[in-house]
Amino acid sequence: MRLRQLRKSRGISQLKLAIDLSTNQNTISRYETGEREADYKTLIELADYFNVSIDYLLERTDNPEMNK
């Protein structure tokens, strides 16, 4: 998942992201290392937060644009 790349490119810490998404820093860290997979609700929240598509988050496309 491109979570770490998106987060770092926007200068957001794991802690800030965790607070903004009402979760904890360990969860964000585990998503970034692949130790844990995000559920559908979390994927939607992450995609909305970074304004990218879920497919982009999951590295299924290199196009970050969302199709609405």
N, C-alpha and C. Protein backbone atom coordinates (compact mmCIF):
# COMPACT_ATOMS: atom_id res chain seq x y z
N MET A 1 0.85 -1.18 0.00
CA MET A 1 0.00 0.00 0.00
C MET A 1 0.89 1.24 0.00
N ARG A 2 0.44 2.26 -0.67
CA ARG A 2 1.20 3.50 -0.80
C ARG A 2 1.02 4.45 0.36
N LEU A 3 0.52 3.99 1.44
CA LEU A 3 0.20 4.86 2.57
C LEU A 3 1.42 5.64 3.04
N ARG A 4 2.53 4.99 3.28
CA ARG A 4 3.73 5.68 3.77
C ARG A 4 4.17 6.76 2.79
N GLN A 5 4.19 6.43 1.51
CA GLN A 5 4.60 7.38 0.49
C GLN A 5 3.68 8.61 0.49
N LEU A 6 2.39 8.41 0.53
CA LEU A 6 1.44 9.52 0.55
C LEU A 6 1.61 10.37 1.81
N ARG A 7 1.73 9.70 2.92
CA ARG A 7 1.85 10.40 4.20
C ARG A 7 3.11 11.26 4.22
N LYS A 8 4.24 10.68 3.83
CA LYS A 8 5.51 11.41 3.86
C LYS A 8 5.53 12.54 2.85
N SER A 9 4.96 12.33 1.68
CA SER A 9 4.96 13.38 0.65
C SER A 9 4.17 14.61 1.07
N ARG A 10 3.25 14.41 2.01
CA ARG A 10 2.45 15.53 2.51
C ARG A 10 2.94 16.03 3.87
N GLY A 11 4.03 15.45 4.35
CA GLY A 11 4.62 15.90 5.61
C GLY A 11 3.76 15.61 6.83
N ILE A 12 3.04 14.50 6.80
CA ILE A 12 2.14 14.12 7.89
C ILE A 12 2.79 12.99 8.69
N SER A 13 2.80 13.13 9.99
CA SER A 13 3.35 12.07 10.84
C SER A 13 2.32 10.95 11.01
N GLN A 14 2.81 9.79 11.42
CA GLN A 14 1.89 8.69 11.72
C GLN A 14 0.91 9.10 12.81
N LEU A 15 1.40 9.81 13.79
CA LEU A 15 0.55 10.23 14.90
C LEU A 15 -0.55 11.17 14.43
N LYS A 16 -0.21 12.15 13.59
CA LYS A 16 -1.23 13.09 13.08
C LYS A 16 -2.28 12.35 12.27
N LEU A 17 -1.83 11.45 11.41
CA LEU A 17 -2.77 10.68 10.60
C LEU A 17 -3.68 9.84 11.50
N ALA A 18 -3.09 9.21 12.49
CA ALA A 18 -3.87 8.39 13.42
C ALA A 18 -4.92 9.24 14.14
N ILE A 19 -4.54 10.40 14.60
CA ILE A 19 -5.49 11.29 15.29
C ILE A 19 -6.59 11.72 14.34
N ASP A 20 -6.22 12.11 13.12
CA ASP A 20 -7.21 12.56 12.14
C ASP A 20 -8.20 11.46 11.77
N LEU A 21 -7.75 10.21 11.82
CA LEU A 21 -8.62 9.08 11.45
C LEU A 21 -9.22 8.37 12.67
N SER A 22 -8.98 8.94 13.84
CA SER A 22 -9.51 8.37 15.10
C SER A 22 -9.06 6.93 15.31
N THR A 23 -7.77 6.70 15.10
CA THR A 23 -7.19 5.39 15.35
C THR A 23 -5.89 5.62 16.14
N ASN A 24 -5.04 4.62 16.23
CA ASN A 24 -3.79 4.83 16.95
C ASN A 24 -2.58 4.68 16.02
N GLN A 25 -1.46 5.19 16.47
CA GLN A 25 -0.25 5.21 15.66
C GLN A 25 0.22 3.81 15.30
N ASN A 26 0.08 2.85 16.21
CA ASN A 26 0.49 1.49 15.93
C ASN A 26 -0.27 0.90 14.75
N THR A 27 -1.54 1.22 14.64
CA THR A 27 -2.34 0.73 13.53
C THR A 27 -1.82 1.28 12.21
N ILE A 28 -1.52 2.57 12.18
CA ILE A 28 -0.98 3.18 10.96
C ILE A 28 0.35 2.53 10.61
N SER A 29 1.20 2.33 11.60
CA SER A 29 2.49 1.70 11.38
C SER A 29 2.32 0.30 10.79
N ARG A 30 1.38 -0.45 11.32
CA ARG A 30 1.15 -1.82 10.83
C ARG A 30 0.60 -1.82 9.40
N TYR A 31 -0.23 -0.84 9.06
CA TYR A 31 -0.69 -0.72 7.67
C TYR A 31 0.49 -0.48 6.76
N GLU A 32 1.39 0.40 7.19
CA GLU A 32 2.53 0.77 6.35
C GLU A 32 3.53 -0.38 6.18
N THR A 33 3.68 -1.21 7.18
CA THR A 33 4.63 -2.32 7.08
C THR A 33 4.00 -3.59 6.51
N GLY A 34 2.69 -3.58 6.35
CA GLY A 34 2.01 -4.75 5.81
C GLY A 34 1.66 -5.79 6.87
N GLU A 35 1.90 -5.47 8.13
CA GLU A 35 1.55 -6.40 9.20
C GLU A 35 0.04 -6.52 9.39
N ARG A 36 -0.67 -5.50 8.93
CA ARG A 36 -2.12 -5.47 9.07
C ARG A 36 -2.71 -4.88 7.81
N GLU A 37 -3.88 -5.38 7.40
CA GLU A 37 -4.56 -4.84 6.23
C GLU A 37 -5.76 -4.01 6.67
N ALA A 38 -5.95 -2.91 5.99
CA ALA A 38 -7.07 -2.02 6.29
C ALA A 38 -8.37 -2.65 5.80
N ASP A 39 -9.44 -2.46 6.57
CA ASP A 39 -10.76 -2.93 6.13
C ASP A 39 -11.33 -1.92 5.12
N TYR A 40 -12.51 -2.25 4.56
CA TYR A 40 -13.11 -1.40 3.55
C TYR A 40 -13.35 0.02 4.05
N LYS A 41 -13.87 0.15 5.23
CA LYS A 41 -14.17 1.46 5.80
C LYS A 41 -12.90 2.29 5.92
N THR A 42 -11.84 1.68 6.38
CA THR A 42 -10.56 2.39 6.55
C THR A 42 -9.96 2.76 5.20
N LEU A 43 -10.06 1.87 4.22
CA LEU A 43 -9.56 2.20 2.88
C LEU A 43 -10.27 3.41 2.32
N ILE A 44 -11.57 3.48 2.51
CA ILE A 44 -12.34 4.64 2.04
C ILE A 44 -11.89 5.90 2.78
N GLU A 45 -11.72 5.80 4.09
CA GLU A 45 -11.27 6.96 4.87
C GLU A 45 -9.89 7.43 4.41
N LEU A 46 -8.98 6.50 4.18
CA LEU A 46 -7.64 6.87 3.73
C LEU A 46 -7.67 7.50 2.34
N ALA A 47 -8.45 6.92 1.44
CA ALA A 47 -8.56 7.46 0.08
C ALA A 47 -9.15 8.87 0.12
N ASP A 48 -10.18 9.07 0.93
CA ASP A 48 -10.78 10.40 1.06
C ASP A 48 -9.81 11.38 1.70
N TYR A 49 -9.09 10.93 2.71
CA TYR A 49 -8.14 11.79 3.42
C TYR A 49 -7.06 12.32 2.47
N PHE A 50 -6.53 11.44 1.62
CA PHE A 50 -5.47 11.83 0.70
C PHE A 50 -5.99 12.23 -0.68
N ASN A 51 -7.29 12.17 -0.86
CA ASN A 51 -7.94 12.52 -2.13
C ASN A 51 -7.36 11.72 -3.30
N VAL A 52 -7.28 10.42 -3.10
CA VAL A 52 -6.82 9.49 -4.13
C VAL A 52 -7.81 8.33 -4.22
N SER A 53 -7.68 7.54 -5.26
CA SER A 53 -8.55 6.37 -5.39
C SER A 53 -8.04 5.23 -4.51
N ILE A 54 -8.93 4.32 -4.19
CA ILE A 54 -8.53 3.14 -3.43
C ILE A 54 -7.58 2.29 -4.27
N ASP A 55 -7.82 2.22 -5.56
CA ASP A 55 -6.91 1.46 -6.44
C ASP A 55 -5.50 2.05 -6.38
N TYR A 56 -5.38 3.36 -6.30
CA TYR A 56 -4.06 3.98 -6.18
C TYR A 56 -3.42 3.60 -4.84
N LEU A 57 -4.20 3.66 -3.78
CA LEU A 57 -3.69 3.27 -2.46
C LEU A 57 -3.16 1.84 -2.47
N LEU A 58 -3.87 0.96 -3.14
CA LEU A 58 -3.52 -0.46 -3.17
C LEU A 58 -2.54 -0.82 -4.29
N GLU A 59 -2.02 0.21 -4.97
CA GLU A 59 -1.03 0.04 -6.04
C GLU A 59 -1.57 -0.75 -7.22
N ARG A 60 -2.85 -0.62 -7.47
CA ARG A 60 -3.44 -1.29 -8.64
C ARG A 60 -3.38 -0.39 -9.86
N THR A 61 -3.09 0.90 -9.64
CA THR A 61 -2.94 1.86 -10.72
C THR A 61 -1.95 2.92 -10.27
N ASP A 62 -1.36 3.59 -11.26
CA ASP A 62 -0.47 4.70 -10.94
C ASP A 62 -1.19 6.04 -11.07
N ASN A 63 -2.47 5.99 -11.38
CA ASN A 63 -3.29 7.20 -11.52
C ASN A 63 -4.00 7.45 -10.19
N PRO A 64 -3.64 8.54 -9.49
CA PRO A 64 -4.25 8.79 -8.18
C PRO A 64 -5.66 9.36 -8.23
N GLU A 65 -6.14 9.74 -9.43
CA GLU A 65 -7.45 10.39 -9.53
C GLU A 65 -8.58 9.44 -9.17
N MET A 66 -9.56 10.01 -8.49
CA MET A 66 -10.75 9.25 -8.11
C MET A 66 -11.79 9.38 -9.21
N ASN A 67 -12.50 8.31 -9.49
CA ASN A 67 -13.61 8.34 -10.44
C ASN A 67 -14.90 8.42 -9.64
N LYS A 68 -15.52 9.57 -9.69
CA LYS A 68 -16.78 9.74 -8.95
C LYS A 68 -17.93 9.88 -9.89
